[in-house]
Protein backbone atom coordinates (compact mmCIF):
# COMPACT_ATOMS: atom_id res chain seq x y z
CA MET A 1 2.44 -0.62 30.41
CA ASN A 2 2.31 -4.18 29.13
CA ILE A 3 -0.65 -6.40 30.12
CA LEU A 4 0.54 -9.93 30.84
CA THR A 5 -2.71 -11.55 32.06
CA GLN A 6 -6.29 -10.54 32.56
CA THR A 7 -9.04 -12.84 33.75
CA ARG A 8 -11.80 -11.34 31.61
CA GLU A 9 -12.60 -8.32 29.46
CA PHE A 10 -12.91 -5.24 31.64
CA ASN A 11 -15.16 -2.28 30.84
CA ARG A 12 -13.73 1.26 30.65
CA LYS A 13 -14.47 2.11 34.28
CA GLU A 14 -12.81 -1.11 35.47
CA LYS A 15 -9.77 -0.47 33.25
CA TYR A 16 -9.49 3.05 34.64
CA ASN A 17 -9.61 1.73 38.22
CA LEU A 18 -7.15 -1.10 37.52
CA TYR A 19 -4.53 0.67 35.41
CA ILE A 20 -4.78 4.40 36.16
CA LYS A 21 -6.51 5.16 39.44
CA GLY A 22 -5.26 2.13 41.35
CA GLY A 23 -6.18 1.57 44.96
CA LYS A 24 -4.89 0.23 48.23
CA SER A 25 -1.80 -1.91 48.51
CA ILE A 26 -2.35 -5.41 49.85
CA LYS A 27 0.49 -4.85 52.34
CA ASP A 28 -1.53 -2.04 53.96
CA LEU A 29 -4.53 -4.29 54.67
CA PRO A 30 -4.80 -6.04 58.04
CA GLU A 31 -4.11 -9.76 58.07
CA GLY A 32 -7.38 -11.66 57.73
CA THR A 33 -9.07 -9.09 55.47
CA GLU A 34 -11.64 -10.77 53.23
CA LEU A 35 -11.63 -9.65 49.59
CA VAL A 36 -14.25 -10.67 47.03
CA LEU A 37 -12.65 -10.61 43.58
CA ALA A 38 -14.55 -9.91 40.37
CA GLY A 39 -11.34 -10.39 38.36
CA TYR A 40 -7.68 -9.46 38.24
CA THR A 41 -4.94 -8.45 35.87
CA VAL A 42 -1.16 -8.75 35.86
CA TYR A 43 0.84 -6.10 34.04
CA GLU A 44 4.32 -4.62 33.77
CA ASP A 45 4.79 -0.97 34.54
CA GLU A 46 7.63 1.40 35.26
CA ASN A 47 8.17 2.62 38.83
CA SER A 48 9.43 6.06 39.85
CA LYS A 49 13.06 4.84 39.56
CA GLY A 50 12.52 3.77 35.96
CA ASP A 51 12.61 0.05 36.76
CA ASN A 52 10.07 -2.39 35.34
CA VAL A 53 7.83 -3.99 37.97
CA VAL A 54 5.11 -6.60 37.65
CA ILE A 55 1.85 -5.53 39.30
CA THR A 56 -1.11 -7.72 40.21
CA ALA A 57 -4.26 -5.60 40.41
CA LEU A 58 -7.32 -7.18 42.03
CA LEU A 59 -10.73 -5.84 41.00
CA LEU A 60 -13.09 -6.26 43.94
CA SER A 61 -16.82 -6.88 43.59
CA ASP A 62 -17.55 -3.30 44.72
CA GLY A 63 -15.39 -1.89 41.90
CA SER A 64 -12.45 -0.89 44.09
CA VAL A 65 -8.90 -2.12 43.48
CA VAL A 66 -6.21 -3.68 45.66
CA SER A 67 -2.78 -4.17 44.12
CA THR A 68 0.58 -5.73 44.89
CA SER A 69 3.97 -6.37 43.36
CA SER A 70 4.37 -9.52 45.49
CA GLU A 71 5.32 -12.56 43.45
CA THR A 72 4.08 -14.76 46.31
CA VAL A 73 0.57 -13.26 46.15
CA ARG A 74 0.51 -13.50 42.35
CA ARG A 75 1.63 -17.15 42.37
CA GLU A 76 -0.87 -18.14 45.07
CA LEU A 77 -3.71 -16.31 43.30
CA GLU A 78 -2.93 -18.10 40.03
CA ASN A 79 -2.78 -21.45 41.87
CA ILE A 80 -6.20 -20.84 43.46
CA VAL A 81 -7.85 -19.66 40.22
CA THR A 82 -6.36 -22.45 38.11
CA GLY A 83 -6.82 -25.18 40.72
CA LEU A 84 -10.47 -24.32 41.34
CA GLY A 85 -11.29 -23.46 37.73
CA ILE A 86 -12.65 -20.01 38.61
CA ASP A 87 -14.45 -18.30 35.70
CA PHE A 88 -14.64 -14.57 36.44
CA ASP A 89 -17.19 -14.10 33.66
CA SER A 90 -19.76 -15.88 35.83
CA GLU A 91 -18.47 -15.99 39.42
CA THR A 92 -16.47 -14.18 42.09
CA LEU A 93 -13.70 -15.46 44.34
CA LYS A 94 -13.25 -14.80 48.05
CA ILE A 95 -9.66 -14.61 49.29
CA ILE A 96 -8.20 -13.69 52.68
CA THR A 97 -5.02 -11.70 53.23
CA ALA A 98 -2.34 -13.45 55.25
CA ARG A 99 1.25 -12.97 56.35
CA GLY A 100 4.11 -15.41 56.54
CA VAL A 101 7.70 -15.40 57.71
CA SER A 102 10.47 -16.66 55.44
CA LYS A 103 13.32 -18.93 56.57
CA ASN A 104 15.55 -15.87 56.96
CA GLY A 105 13.00 -14.11 59.16
CA ARG A 106 11.48 -11.68 56.65
CA GLU A 107 7.73 -11.12 56.78
CA TYR A 108 5.88 -11.46 53.48
CA ASN A 109 2.32 -11.06 52.19
CA THR A 110 0.27 -13.92 50.83
CA ILE A 111 -3.36 -14.88 50.39
CA GLU A 112 -5.56 -17.87 51.18
CA TYR A 113 -8.72 -19.23 49.62
CA GLY A 114 -11.72 -17.84 51.46
CA GLY A 115 -14.37 -20.36 50.47
């Protein structure tokens, strides 16, 4: 595992939840689900086929984790955090799960700012 980005220092319990235990996949959540983030991390890991994948793991305010390998979600999350200047050391961020359809008709996962 190679950590690429983390929004703040995580304690041992949070690291365990983010990197070892894991949680739900964002694709399994209903569209419109509100998530309150206490931080997130982006890391490379190896999947069951031996391929490297980039994972975005979202630490929720209740300590649970939602993760995704979606580049669209990762890019949108980084845009929201950077654009709004979110500081996870002192604040949380509410996002909402969403779905979109690409030009070739494929459904994809994304997120929106939740206010």
